[in-house]
């Protein structure tokens, strides 16, 4: 950088030595170190040491080398006309400029006097650079004061706005905000991870809890619990009604139990074969079909309670015309039919079937009745029962789950119901089953019976105990003890003789069927220690020794089970 300032062509030169308190440059004059030389001036002015800005004194006419001194120099094109003074190159217009006769000092743009010399520096003022040593003649007190208080001129940069500083501040703010955003993102990510872990833990716990509740955890299921709950089967709450389907066109009946297990939230239709052996009030043995025809609703309901150990709340007699109207009211049903069903009203043989075999067949009311009551030649009654069960479950799936809506449907049928079951009770009960059927928590089972109509031990465990919750209930005060009798003597008439003896002794007789093999000795079994005395009394009534009484497995619908062996001697 050139710190020198040239005031003119060949004139005085100045160099920068510092800045004053207002930030203005301070110069000092640089002495001329070379001898002046004669120069040529194209304007015809003095060439030796000529300063175009010097205005002091009269200017001498220039000397032209190589010309005769007696000759006049050529006229300058810039010379003023008419001899009116000399030409001022800056056009200052100052009076007397270039005029030798003028006594007025010429104008100098740098403030110098017209005396032809330099402008004198004010006394006592010496230029110096801040933060450097002051003038040599500065007093010691002044120097110490200046060092103690250097002045604001040395810190002028503090007051001046600095764009770079704002940029730095903005960058720091941006960096800080970016760091905070990253930290916030990390916190949110950690929160999401924690929430996800909690949700997965809850799902796992809920799944395990459901499996535990459903009894599906390995090693936790037992024969004493149902698949829907860990609560013992006998302790579960069930609502049960019996429905009798009467075929008014061809005769015959079909019976089913509608079960609502409120503990496990599962519904079941239990189909009862007509050959099921029942015991009448007088102790005589009969079948379910005969009981429905002879005893009516209340008698059959009580007999079923005795055999199955259930507590049936009501009886619903459903004639086939009402079943047809019910299916039409719910808007037809969808059933997976297992056979073709001919039209019972067809007048010509060989006409097409009314119901076709196949998946998801839509059945109207008439078609549903035909399918529910159809029994092909050579088929067992259980095949017809299964079709009846399909129609009942399909109807429940289409019935309203709202108690009021279901009650309205029942009332629309205009049936004369059994006094044990009002239309409101039936509608509310069916609405609960409809909700279970729509949710897939509904099933159908057939009660298996032996050829003589009695229940086997396997039947007692699989259906009676698990689905119906039938158990050997503690008899009420004054109620007769229920005794199940199985004949293993090889003599068929011994069952009837034992029945008469027990009835005369104040016991309730339950048909236990015929044992598959003959036994030598008889057994009188009880499961509850409280029934030991009743078992001893039953053995004494039958004429069996006290050694025959022992603790063992008892049928679920009885208090005491008796197995008659060849040592049994019936009274004459």
Protein backbone atom coordinates (compact mmCIF):
# COMPACT_ATOMS: atom_id res chain seq x y z
CA UNK A 1 0.00 0.00 0.00
CA UNK A 2 1.32 3.45 -0.88
CA UNK A 3 0.94 5.64 2.21
CA UNK A 4 2.16 8.71 0.41
CA UNK A 5 0.03 11.46 -1.01
CA UNK A 6 1.20 13.49 -3.98
CA UNK A 7 -0.29 16.95 -3.93
CA UNK A 8 0.57 17.75 -7.54
CA UNK A 9 2.92 17.39 -10.37
CA UNK A 10 6.33 17.85 -8.87
CA UNK A 11 4.89 19.51 -5.78
CA UNK A 12 5.08 18.69 -2.09
CA UNK A 13 4.49 15.06 -1.04
CA UNK A 14 2.81 13.83 2.19
CA UNK A 15 2.83 10.48 3.91
CA UNK A 16 0.18 8.93 6.22
CA UNK A 17 1.21 8.84 9.86
CA UNK A 18 -2.05 7.91 11.59
CA UNK A 19 -5.69 8.88 12.25
CA UNK A 20 -7.18 11.42 14.54
CA UNK A 21 -9.97 10.84 17.07
CA UNK A 22 -12.59 11.17 14.32
CA UNK A 23 -10.97 8.55 12.11
CA UNK A 24 -9.56 11.03 9.61
CA UNK A 25 -6.09 10.42 8.15
CA UNK A 26 -3.17 12.51 9.43
CA UNK A 27 -0.32 13.28 6.99
CA UNK A 28 3.07 14.90 7.25
CA UNK A 29 5.17 16.54 4.56
CA UNK A 30 7.97 14.53 3.03
CA UNK A 31 11.01 16.67 2.30
CA UNK A 32 12.20 16.76 -1.30
CA UNK A 33 15.32 14.57 -1.63
CA UNK A 34 16.29 15.35 -5.21
CA UNK A 35 17.35 18.53 -6.88
CA UNK A 36 14.79 20.29 -8.96
CA UNK A 37 15.10 19.79 -12.64
CA UNK A 38 14.01 21.76 -15.54
CA UNK A 39 10.94 20.38 -17.16
CA UNK A 40 9.02 21.26 -20.20
CA UNK A 41 5.57 22.67 -19.74
CA UNK A 42 3.27 22.39 -22.69
CA UNK A 43 1.29 25.30 -21.36
CA UNK A 44 4.19 27.64 -21.45
CA UNK A 45 4.62 27.95 -17.69
CA UNK A 46 7.80 27.87 -15.64
CA UNK A 47 9.33 24.44 -15.90
CA UNK A 48 11.86 24.57 -13.09
CA UNK A 49 10.17 23.56 -9.86
CA UNK A 50 6.92 24.65 -11.22
CA UNK A 51 3.89 23.96 -9.07
CA UNK A 52 0.62 24.37 -10.88
CA UNK A 53 -1.11 24.85 -7.53
CA UNK A 54 1.39 27.36 -6.17
CA UNK A 55 -0.20 30.78 -6.32
CA UNK A 56 2.22 32.88 -4.32
CA UNK A 57 4.18 35.60 -6.17
CA UNK A 58 4.28 36.35 -9.81
CA UNK A 59 5.07 33.53 -12.18
CA UNK A 60 8.02 34.00 -14.44
CA UNK A 61 7.69 33.38 -18.12
CA UNK A 62 8.93 29.94 -18.99
CA UNK A 63 12.25 29.45 -20.61
CA UNK A 64 12.29 27.35 -23.77
CA UNK A 65 15.40 25.53 -24.51
CA UNK A 66 16.48 25.44 -28.14
CA UNK A 67 14.73 28.69 -29.04
CA UNK A 68 16.06 32.13 -29.63
CA UNK A 69 15.51 34.29 -26.57
CA UNK A 70 14.60 37.12 -28.76
CA UNK A 71 11.64 35.32 -30.16
CA UNK A 72 8.20 35.13 -28.53
CA UNK A 73 6.87 31.75 -27.48
CA UNK A 74 3.98 30.37 -29.35
CA UNK A 75 0.57 31.35 -28.16
CA UNK A 76 -1.15 28.78 -25.98
CA UNK A 77 -4.56 27.68 -27.10
CA UNK A 78 -5.72 27.96 -23.48
CA UNK A 79 -4.39 31.49 -22.95
CA UNK A 80 -7.02 34.11 -22.15
CA UNK A 81 -8.07 36.51 -24.82
CA UNK A 82 -7.31 40.15 -24.68
CA UNK A 83 -4.61 39.91 -22.05
CA UNK A 84 -7.10 39.63 -19.22
CA UNK A 85 -4.87 37.66 -16.87
CA UNK A 86 -3.54 34.17 -16.82
CA UNK A 87 -5.61 30.94 -17.27
CA UNK A 88 -6.69 29.05 -14.17
CA UNK A 89 -6.88 25.30 -15.01
CA UNK A 90 -9.39 24.64 -12.14
CA UNK A 91 -11.68 27.48 -13.16
CA UNK A 92 -11.77 28.83 -9.68
CA UNK A 93 -12.66 32.24 -10.93
CA UNK A 94 -10.72 33.84 -8.10
CA UNK A 95 -10.00 37.42 -8.79
CA UNK A 96 -6.54 38.09 -9.99
CA UNK A 97 -5.84 34.49 -10.70
CA UNK A 98 -2.89 34.42 -13.02
CA UNK A 99 -2.89 38.21 -13.11
CA UNK A 100 0.50 39.61 -12.07
CA UNK A 101 -1.01 42.93 -11.27
CA UNK A 102 -3.59 41.57 -8.93
CA UNK A 103 -2.82 41.94 -5.29
CA UNK A 104 -5.53 39.51 -4.12
CA UNK A 105 -4.20 36.17 -2.92
CA UNK A 106 -4.99 33.42 -5.32
CA UNK A 107 -7.43 30.63 -4.31
CA UNK A 108 -5.77 27.45 -3.15
CA UNK A 109 -7.98 24.34 -2.84
CA UNK A 110 -5.74 22.91 -0.05
CA UNK A 111 -5.96 26.00 2.07
CA UNK A 112 -2.43 27.20 1.49
CA UNK A 113 -1.64 30.88 1.41
CA UNK A 114 -0.75 32.73 -1.66
CA UNK A 115 2.72 33.48 -0.34
CA UNK A 116 4.04 30.63 -2.35
CA UNK A 117 5.07 28.47 0.59
CA UNK A 118 3.46 25.67 2.55
CA UNK A 119 0.68 26.26 5.04
CA UNK A 120 2.30 26.51 8.43
CA UNK A 121 1.36 23.80 10.98
CA UNK A 122 -0.32 25.09 14.11
CA UNK A 123 1.99 25.56 17.01
CA UNK A 124 2.18 22.66 19.44
CA UNK A 125 0.38 20.19 17.11
CA UNK A 126 2.31 17.16 16.03
CA UNK A 127 0.76 14.25 14.13
CA UNK A 128 1.18 10.83 15.64
CA UNK A 129 -0.45 7.38 15.40
CA UNK A 130 -2.67 6.24 18.31
CA UNK A 131 -1.33 3.43 20.50
CA UNK A 132 2.19 4.59 19.67
CA UNK A 133 4.53 6.81 21.54
CA UNK A 134 3.48 10.44 21.55
CA UNK A 135 5.59 13.43 20.58
CA UNK A 136 9.05 13.67 22.08
CA UNK A 137 8.29 16.90 23.90
CA UNK A 138 5.14 15.39 25.59
CA UNK A 139 5.30 15.73 29.34
CA UNK A 140 5.53 12.69 31.60
CA UNK A 141 2.23 13.55 33.35
CA UNK A 142 0.46 13.81 30.00
CA UNK A 143 1.95 10.50 28.88
CA UNK A 144 0.85 8.72 32.06
CA UNK A 145 -2.64 10.17 31.79
CA UNK A 146 -2.90 9.08 28.21
CA UNK A 147 -1.74 5.58 29.08
CA UNK A 148 -4.26 5.36 31.92
CA UNK A 149 -7.10 6.72 29.79
CA UNK A 150 -6.26 5.99 26.18
CA UNK A 151 -9.48 7.63 24.98
CA UNK A 152 -12.43 6.40 23.12
CA UNK A 153 -10.79 6.81 19.76
CA UNK A 154 -8.87 3.57 20.29
CA UNK A 155 -12.13 1.68 20.85
CA UNK A 156 -14.17 3.19 18.08
CA UNK A 157 -14.83 -0.29 16.71
CA UNK A 158 -17.02 -1.07 19.75
CA UNK A 159 -19.55 1.60 18.80
CA UNK A 160 -19.59 0.82 15.13
CA UNK A 161 -22.19 -1.74 13.97
CA UNK A 162 -20.52 -4.89 12.85
CA UNK A 163 -22.43 -7.11 10.42
CA UNK A 164 -20.02 -9.95 11.04
CA UNK A 165 -20.90 -9.98 14.75
CA UNK A 166 -24.61 -10.27 13.97
CA UNK A 167 -23.86 -13.10 11.59
CA UNK A 168 -21.91 -14.88 14.31
CA UNK A 169 -24.77 -14.39 16.78
CA UNK A 170 -27.27 -15.69 14.25
CA UNK A 171 -25.06 -18.71 13.57
CA UNK A 172 -24.76 -19.44 17.29
CA UNK A 173 -28.52 -19.18 17.66
CA UNK A 174 -29.03 -21.47 14.68
CA UNK A 175 -26.55 -23.98 16.07
CA UNK A 176 -28.20 -23.86 19.48
CA UNK A 177 -31.68 -24.30 17.99
CA UNK A 178 -30.46 -27.14 15.82
CA UNK A 179 -28.95 -28.88 18.86
CA UNK A 180 -32.17 -28.41 20.80
CA UNK A 181 -34.15 -29.86 17.91
CA UNK A 182 -31.88 -32.87 17.79
CA UNK A 183 -32.22 -33.39 21.54
CA UNK A 184 -35.99 -33.03 21.26
CA UNK A 185 -36.04 -35.56 18.43
CA UNK A 186 -34.01 -37.96 20.55
CA UNK A 187 -36.41 -37.48 23.47
CA UNK A 188 -39.40 -38.12 21.24
CA UNK A 189 -37.73 -41.22 19.82
CA UNK A 190 -37.02 -42.51 23.31
CA UNK A 191 -40.64 -41.80 24.30
CA UNK A 192 -41.90 -43.71 21.27
CA UNK A 193 -39.64 -46.66 22.07
CA UNK A 194 -40.84 -46.70 25.67
CA UNK A 195 -44.48 -46.46 24.56
CA UNK A 196 -43.96 -49.27 22.06
CA UNK A 197 -42.39 -51.49 24.71
CA UNK A 198 -45.28 -50.77 27.07
CA UNK A 199 -47.85 -51.56 24.37
CA UNK A 200 -46.08 -54.81 23.46
CA UNK A 201 -45.91 -55.76 27.13
CA UNK A 202 -49.61 -55.07 27.57
CA UNK A 203 -50.43 -57.08 24.45
CA UNK A 204 -48.30 -59.97 25.67
CA UNK A 205 -49.87 -59.86 29.12
CA UNK A 206 -53.33 -59.61 27.61
CA UNK A 207 -52.67 -62.55 25.29
CA UNK A 208 -51.37 -64.69 28.10
CA UNK A 209 -54.29 -63.62 30.26
CA UNK A 210 -56.75 -64.55 27.54
CA UNK A 211 -55.12 -67.95 27.05
CA UNK A 212 -55.17 -68.45 30.78
CA UNK A 213 -58.80 -67.37 30.95
CA UNK A 214 -59.67 -69.66 28.05
CA UNK A 215 -57.76 -72.55 29.61
CA UNK A 216 -55.52 -72.90 26.56
CA UNK A 217 -52.17 -72.56 28.27
CA UNK A 218 -50.25 -75.85 28.17
CA UNK A 219 -50.33 -77.69 31.45
CA UNK A 220 -53.17 -75.64 32.95
CA UNK A 221 -56.20 -77.42 31.51
CA UNK A 222 -57.91 -80.18 33.39
CA UNK A 223 -60.99 -82.31 33.14
CA UNK A 224 -62.60 -80.34 35.90
CA UNK A 225 -62.52 -77.11 33.91
CA UNK A 226 -64.16 -76.06 30.70
CA UNK A 227 -62.26 -74.76 27.72
CA UNK A 228 -63.73 -71.30 28.23
CA UNK A 229 -62.80 -70.58 31.83
CA UNK A 230 -60.64 -71.72 34.70
CA UNK A 231 -63.70 -71.65 36.94
CA UNK A 232 -64.83 -75.21 37.74
CA UNK A 233 -67.65 -76.34 35.50
CA UNK A 234 -70.03 -76.85 38.40
CA UNK A 235 -69.45 -73.28 39.64
CA UNK A 236 -70.14 -71.58 36.31
CA UNK A 237 -73.39 -69.68 35.84
CA UNK A 238 -75.69 -70.93 33.08
CA UNK A 239 -79.12 -69.95 31.82
CA UNK A 240 -80.92 -72.89 30.20
CA UNK A 241 -84.26 -73.26 28.46
CA UNK A 242 -85.64 -76.31 26.64
CA UNK A 243 -87.22 -75.99 23.20
CA UNK A 244 -89.52 -78.66 21.74
CA UNK A 245 -90.02 -78.59 17.97
CA UNK A 246 -93.40 -80.12 17.08
CA UNK A 247 -93.89 -81.24 13.49
CA UNK A 248 -97.55 -80.46 12.99
CA UNK A 249 -97.57 -81.89 9.48
CA UNK A 250 -96.00 -85.32 9.94
CA UNK A 251 -95.91 -85.65 13.71
CA UNK A 252 -92.94 -86.20 15.95
CA UNK A 253 -90.86 -83.92 18.08
CA UNK A 254 -87.25 -82.77 18.41
CA UNK A 255 -85.83 -81.41 21.65
CA UNK A 256 -82.84 -79.18 22.33
CA UNK A 257 -81.43 -77.27 25.27
CA UNK A 258 -80.37 -73.65 24.63
CA UNK A 259 -77.52 -72.88 27.04
CA UNK A 260 -76.08 -69.44 27.79
CA UNK A 261 -72.91 -69.79 29.86
CA UNK A 262 -72.60 -66.31 31.35
CA UNK A 263 -69.26 -67.17 32.98
CA UNK A 264 -67.41 -68.20 29.83
CA UNK A 265 -69.53 -66.04 27.49
CA UNK A 266 -70.36 -68.98 25.23
CA UNK A 267 -73.64 -70.37 23.94
CA UNK A 268 -74.47 -73.94 23.01
CA UNK A 269 -77.37 -75.87 21.56
CA UNK A 270 -77.43 -79.34 23.16
CA UNK A 271 -79.52 -81.75 21.08
CA UNK A 272 -81.32 -84.44 23.09
CA UNK A 273 -82.17 -87.74 21.39
CA UNK A 274 -85.73 -88.93 21.75
CA UNK A 275 -84.45 -92.22 23.17
CA UNK A 276 -83.04 -90.54 26.29
CA UNK A 277 -84.27 -92.45 29.34
CA UNK A 278 -86.16 -90.42 31.91
CA UNK A 279 -87.73 -91.26 35.24
CA UNK A 280 -91.26 -90.20 36.00
CA UNK A 281 -92.59 -88.88 39.27
CA UNK A 282 -93.75 -92.36 40.19
CA UNK A 283 -90.29 -93.77 39.51
CA UNK A 284 -91.20 -95.41 36.25
CA UNK A 285 -88.77 -95.21 33.32
CA UNK A 286 -89.82 -93.52 30.10
CA UNK A 287 -88.25 -91.91 27.04
CA UNK A 288 -87.90 -88.26 26.17
CA UNK A 289 -90.23 -88.55 23.16
CA UNK A 290 -92.96 -90.23 25.22
CA UNK A 291 -92.52 -87.71 28.07
CA UNK A 292 -93.00 -84.76 25.71
CA UNK A 293 -96.17 -86.26 24.31
CA UNK A 294 -97.66 -87.36 27.65
CA UNK A 295 -96.38 -85.11 30.43
CA UNK A 296 -96.23 -81.82 28.66
CA UNK A 297 -93.70 -79.10 29.32
CA UNK A 298 -93.43 -78.99 33.09
CA UNK A 299 -93.20 -82.74 33.63
CA UNK A 300 -90.52 -83.20 30.98
CA UNK A 301 -88.55 -80.24 32.31
CA UNK A 302 -88.45 -81.71 35.80
CA UNK A 303 -87.43 -85.13 34.50
CA UNK A 304 -84.59 -83.61 32.48
CA UNK A 305 -83.37 -81.78 35.56
CA UNK A 306 -83.30 -85.06 37.44
CA UNK A 307 -81.39 -86.94 34.75
CA UNK A 308 -78.97 -84.21 33.70
CA UNK A 309 -78.57 -82.39 37.00
CA UNK A 310 -79.48 -79.09 35.36
CA UNK A 311 -81.77 -76.24 36.33
CA UNK A 312 -83.95 -75.54 33.29
CA UNK A 313 -85.66 -72.16 33.61
CA UNK A 314 -88.42 -72.49 31.05
CA UNK A 315 -89.94 -74.42 28.16
CA UNK A 316 -90.42 -73.08 24.63
CA UNK A 317 -92.83 -75.04 22.45
CA UNK A 318 -92.03 -74.22 18.84
CA UNK A 319 -94.44 -75.67 16.28
CA UNK A 320 -93.22 -75.85 12.68
CA UNK A 321 -95.53 -73.02 11.42
CA UNK A 322 -94.04 -70.69 14.02
CA UNK A 323 -90.50 -71.74 13.03
CA UNK A 324 -91.36 -70.90 9.43
CA UNK A 325 -92.66 -67.47 10.44
CA UNK A 326 -89.61 -66.85 12.66
CA UNK A 327 -87.18 -67.51 9.79
CA UNK A 328 -89.18 -65.27 7.48
CA UNK A 329 -89.22 -62.50 10.10
CA UNK A 330 -85.43 -62.46 10.47
CA UNK A 331 -85.00 -62.35 6.68
CA UNK A 332 -84.03 -65.93 5.74
CA UNK A 333 -80.98 -67.78 7.04
CA UNK A 334 -77.72 -69.17 5.60
CA UNK A 335 -76.93 -72.81 6.34
CA UNK A 336 -74.30 -75.30 5.12
CA UNK A 337 -76.72 -78.06 4.14
CA UNK A 338 -75.51 -81.68 4.17
CA UNK A 339 -78.19 -83.23 1.96
CA UNK A 340 -80.82 -82.50 -0.66
CA UNK A 341 -84.31 -82.15 0.78
CA UNK A 342 -87.32 -82.84 -1.44
CA UNK A 343 -90.29 -80.55 -1.46
CA UNK A 344 -92.91 -82.09 0.84
CA UNK A 345 -95.69 -80.35 -1.10
CA UNK A 346 -94.55 -81.63 -4.50
CA UNK A 347 -97.34 -83.54 -6.25
CA UNK A 348 -95.15 -85.17 -8.87
CA UNK A 349 -92.37 -87.55 -8.09
CA UNK A 350 -88.96 -86.77 -9.46
CA UNK A 351 -89.32 -83.03 -9.10
CA UNK A 352 -86.31 -81.02 -8.04
CA UNK A 353 -85.33 -80.74 -4.36
CA UNK A 354 -86.58 -77.87 -2.29
CA UNK A 355 -83.24 -77.55 -0.49
CA UNK A 356 -79.96 -78.23 -2.29
CA UNK A 357 -76.87 -79.59 -0.65
CA UNK A 358 -74.01 -77.09 -0.46
CA UNK A 359 -72.19 -74.39 1.44
CA UNK A 360 -73.96 -71.19 2.43
CA UNK A 361 -77.42 -72.13 1.17
CA UNK A 362 -80.03 -69.44 1.77
CA UNK A 363 -83.16 -70.91 3.28
CA UNK A 364 -86.57 -69.31 3.50
CA UNK A 365 -89.00 -70.19 6.27
CA UNK A 366 -90.52 -73.10 4.36
CA UNK A 367 -87.11 -74.44 3.32
CA UNK A 368 -85.81 -74.16 6.90
CA UNK A 369 -88.71 -76.19 8.28
CA UNK A 370 -88.25 -78.85 5.60
CA UNK A 371 -84.53 -79.09 6.32
CA UNK A 372 -84.92 -79.12 10.14
CA UNK A 373 -87.49 -81.94 10.11
CA UNK A 374 -86.02 -84.05 7.29
CA UNK A 375 -84.87 -87.58 8.09
CA UNK A 376 -83.80 -89.71 5.18
CA UNK A 377 -84.72 -93.39 5.10
CA UNK A 378 -82.30 -95.42 7.20
CA UNK A 379 -80.87 -92.38 9.01
CA UNK A 380 -80.69 -92.17 12.78
CA UNK A 381 -82.59 -89.59 14.66
CA UNK A 382 -79.31 -87.82 15.46
CA UNK A 383 -78.94 -86.82 11.78
CA UNK A 384 -82.27 -85.03 11.90
CA UNK A 385 -81.32 -83.43 15.23
CA UNK A 386 -78.15 -82.01 13.72
CA UNK A 387 -80.13 -80.33 10.94
CA UNK A 388 -82.50 -78.88 13.52
CA UNK A 389 -79.47 -77.53 15.40
CA UNK A 390 -78.13 -75.88 12.22
CA UNK A 391 -81.44 -74.13 11.63
CA UNK A 392 -81.58 -72.88 15.23
CA UNK A 393 -78.03 -71.49 15.09
CA UNK A 394 -78.64 -69.85 11.70
CA UNK A 395 -81.80 -68.23 13.07
CA UNK A 396 -79.95 -66.87 16.10
CA UNK A 397 -77.30 -65.32 13.84
CA UNK A 398 -80.02 -63.34 12.02
CA UNK A 399 -82.04 -62.43 15.12
CA UNK A 400 -81.60 -58.99 16.68
CA UNK A 401 -79.06 -58.73 19.52
CA UNK A 402 -81.15 -55.98 21.08
CA UNK A 403 -83.45 -57.38 23.80
CA UNK A 404 -86.28 -55.06 22.77
CA UNK A 405 -85.93 -55.98 19.10
CA UNK A 406 -85.84 -59.70 19.85
CA UNK A 407 -88.85 -59.36 22.14
CA UNK A 408 -90.76 -57.61 19.36
CA UNK A 409 -89.96 -60.50 17.02
CA UNK A 410 -91.22 -63.03 19.58
CA UNK A 411 -94.39 -61.03 20.13
CA UNK A 412 -94.96 -60.84 16.37
CA UNK A 413 -95.11 -64.65 16.28
CA UNK A 414 -98.26 -64.46 18.43
CA UNK A 415 -97.47 -67.70 20.18
CA UNK A 416 -99.16 -68.92 23.34
CA UNK A 417 -96.10 -69.56 25.47
CA UNK A 418 -95.67 -71.78 28.48
CA UNK A 419 -96.42 -69.99 31.73
CA UNK A 420 -92.84 -70.61 32.83
CA UNK A 421 -91.54 -68.36 30.04
CA UNK A 422 -92.96 -64.95 29.13
CA UNK A 423 -92.39 -63.28 25.76
CA UNK A 424 -90.09 -60.70 27.37
CA UNK A 425 -88.01 -63.38 29.10
CA UNK A 426 -87.75 -65.38 25.89
CA UNK A 427 -86.84 -62.32 23.81
CA UNK A 428 -84.12 -61.25 26.26
CA UNK A 429 -82.69 -64.75 26.42
CA UNK A 430 -82.64 -65.16 22.62
CA UNK A 431 -80.99 -61.74 22.20
CA UNK A 432 -78.06 -62.88 24.38
CA UNK A 433 -77.67 -66.05 22.36
CA UNK A 434 -77.91 -64.05 19.12
CA UNK A 435 -75.02 -61.85 20.23
CA UNK A 436 -72.89 -64.91 20.99
CA UNK A 437 -73.81 -66.56 17.67
CA UNK A 438 -72.83 -63.46 15.68
CA UNK A 439 -69.51 -63.28 17.50
CA UNK A 440 -68.63 -66.89 16.76
CA UNK A 441 -68.98 -67.96 20.40
CA UNK A 442 -71.69 -70.50 19.74
CA UNK A 443 -71.67 -74.23 19.12
CA UNK A 444 -73.89 -77.27 18.77
CA UNK A 445 -73.47 -80.65 20.47
CA UNK A 446 -75.46 -83.88 20.53
CA UNK A 447 -75.95 -85.62 23.87
CA UNK A 448 -74.69 -89.17 23.29
CA UNK A 449 -76.79 -91.92 24.86
CA UNK A 450 -76.43 -95.68 24.93
CA UNK A 451 -78.73 -98.04 23.13
CA UNK A 452 -80.94 -98.35 26.21
CA UNK A 453 -81.21 -94.57 26.49
CA UNK A 454 -78.97 -94.19 29.49
CA UNK A 455 -75.90 -91.95 29.80
CA UNK A 456 -72.42 -93.42 29.85
CA UNK A 457 -69.67 -92.21 32.15
CA UNK A 458 -67.96 -90.57 29.17
CA UNK A 459 -71.16 -88.71 28.38
CA UNK A 460 -71.34 -87.41 31.94
CA UNK A 461 -67.88 -85.86 31.64
CA UNK A 462 -68.01 -84.51 28.07
CA UNK A 463 -71.48 -83.00 27.83
CA UNK A 464 -73.41 -83.14 31.05
CA UNK A 465 -70.61 -81.90 33.27
CA UNK A 466 -68.69 -79.63 30.89
CA UNK A 467 -71.47 -78.02 28.84
CA UNK A 468 -74.54 -78.32 31.03
CA UNK A 469 -72.70 -78.09 34.34
CA UNK A 470 -74.80 -80.95 35.67
CA UNK A 471 -73.55 -82.20 39.00
CA UNK A 472 -74.67 -84.15 41.99
CA UNK A 473 -76.30 -81.32 43.84
CA UNK A 474 -76.70 -81.48 47.59
CA UNK A 475 -80.36 -82.33 48.12
CA UNK A 476 -82.47 -79.70 49.70
CA UNK A 477 -83.93 -80.23 53.15
CA UNK A 478 -86.43 -83.08 52.82
CA UNK A 479 -85.56 -83.77 49.15
CA UNK A 480 -85.04 -87.36 48.04
CA UNK A 481 -81.50 -88.64 47.44
CA UNK A 482 -80.86 -89.43 43.78
CA UNK A 483 -79.51 -92.91 43.20
CA UNK A 484 -78.23 -94.05 39.82
CA UNK A 485 -78.43 -97.81 39.28
CA UNK A 486 -76.40 -99.77 36.69
CA UNK A 487 -77.21 -103.45 36.15
CA UNK A 488 -74.15 -105.73 36.04
CA UNK A 489 -75.89 -108.91 37.25
CA UNK A 490 -76.62 -110.33 33.83
CA UNK A 491 -80.33 -110.41 34.67
CA UNK A 492 -82.36 -107.64 32.98
CA UNK A 493 -85.27 -107.72 35.42
CA UNK A 494 -83.05 -106.85 38.37
CA UNK A 495 -83.04 -103.18 37.32
CA UNK A 496 -86.79 -102.90 37.67
CA UNK A 497 -86.76 -104.69 41.02
CA UNK A 498 -84.08 -102.35 42.37
CA UNK A 499 -86.08 -99.34 41.14
CA UNK A 500 -89.18 -100.38 43.05
CA UNK A 501 -87.21 -100.98 46.23
CA UNK A 502 -85.48 -97.62 46.10
CA UNK A 503 -88.68 -95.70 45.36
CA UNK A 504 -90.38 -97.37 48.28
CA UNK A 505 -87.41 -96.40 50.44
CA UNK A 506 -87.82 -92.68 49.58
CA UNK A 507 -85.00 -92.41 47.02
CA UNK A 508 -85.14 -90.98 43.52
CA UNK A 509 -84.29 -93.65 40.98
CA UNK A 510 -82.06 -92.79 38.02
CA UNK A 511 -81.56 -95.24 35.19
CA UNK A 512 -77.88 -96.08 34.80
CA UNK A 513 -78.23 -98.65 32.03
CA UNK A 514 -76.60 -102.04 31.68
CA UNK A 515 -72.91 -102.60 32.33
CA UNK A 516 -70.85 -103.99 29.43
CA UNK A 517 -69.61 -106.88 31.61
CA UNK A 518 -70.93 -108.90 34.51
CA UNK A 519 -69.54 -108.14 37.97
CA UNK A 520 -69.31 -110.58 40.88
CA UNK A 521 -69.77 -108.07 43.67
CA UNK A 522 -71.88 -104.95 43.95
CA UNK A 523 -70.61 -101.40 44.63
CA UNK A 524 -72.27 -98.39 46.24
CA UNK A 525 -70.25 -95.24 45.45
CA UNK A 526 -70.25 -91.68 46.80
CA UNK A 527 -67.95 -88.77 45.96
CA UNK A 528 -68.84 -86.24 48.63
CA UNK A 529 -68.12 -87.31 52.23
CA UNK A 530 -71.45 -85.79 53.17
CA UNK A 531 -73.16 -88.45 51.02
CA UNK A 532 -71.52 -91.40 52.78
CA UNK A 533 -74.48 -91.79 55.08
CA UNK A 534 -76.89 -91.68 52.13
CA UNK A 535 -74.82 -94.34 50.36
CA UNK A 536 -74.90 -96.55 53.44
CA UNK A 537 -78.69 -96.16 53.65
CA UNK A 538 -79.11 -97.01 49.96
CA UNK A 539 -76.99 -100.15 50.35
CA UNK A 540 -79.09 -101.24 53.31
CA UNK A 541 -82.30 -100.64 51.34
CA UNK A 542 -81.04 -102.81 48.46
CA UNK A 543 -79.89 -105.54 50.85
CA UNK A 544 -76.19 -105.03 50.09
CA UNK A 545 -73.46 -105.40 52.74
CA UNK A 546 -71.88 -102.30 54.29
CA UNK A 547 -68.53 -103.33 52.80
CA UNK A 548 -69.96 -102.48 49.35
CA UNK A 549 -70.01 -98.77 50.27
CA UNK A 550 -66.85 -96.99 49.12
CA UNK A 551 -65.72 -93.60 47.87
CA UNK A 552 -65.41 -93.31 44.11
CA UNK A 553 -66.61 -91.63 40.95
CA UNK A 554 -70.32 -90.85 40.86
CA UNK A 555 -72.37 -89.89 37.85
CA UNK A 556 -72.71 -86.14 37.58
CA UNK A 557 -76.50 -86.21 37.88
CA UNK A 558 -76.66 -88.45 40.98
CA UNK A 559 -75.77 -88.34 44.64
CA UNK A 560 -75.03 -92.04 44.90
CA UNK A 561 -74.14 -94.55 42.17
CA UNK A 562 -74.95 -98.26 42.54
CA UNK A 563 -73.48 -101.04 40.41
CA UNK A 564 -75.45 -104.26 40.96
CA UNK A 565 -73.35 -107.41 40.90
CA UNK A 566 -74.18 -111.07 41.05
CA UNK A 567 -74.24 -110.87 44.86
CA UNK A 568 -77.44 -108.81 44.65
CA UNK A 569 -80.48 -110.73 45.86
CA UNK A 570 -83.70 -108.87 45.03
CA UNK A 571 -86.57 -109.31 47.40
CA UNK A 572 -89.48 -111.32 46.12
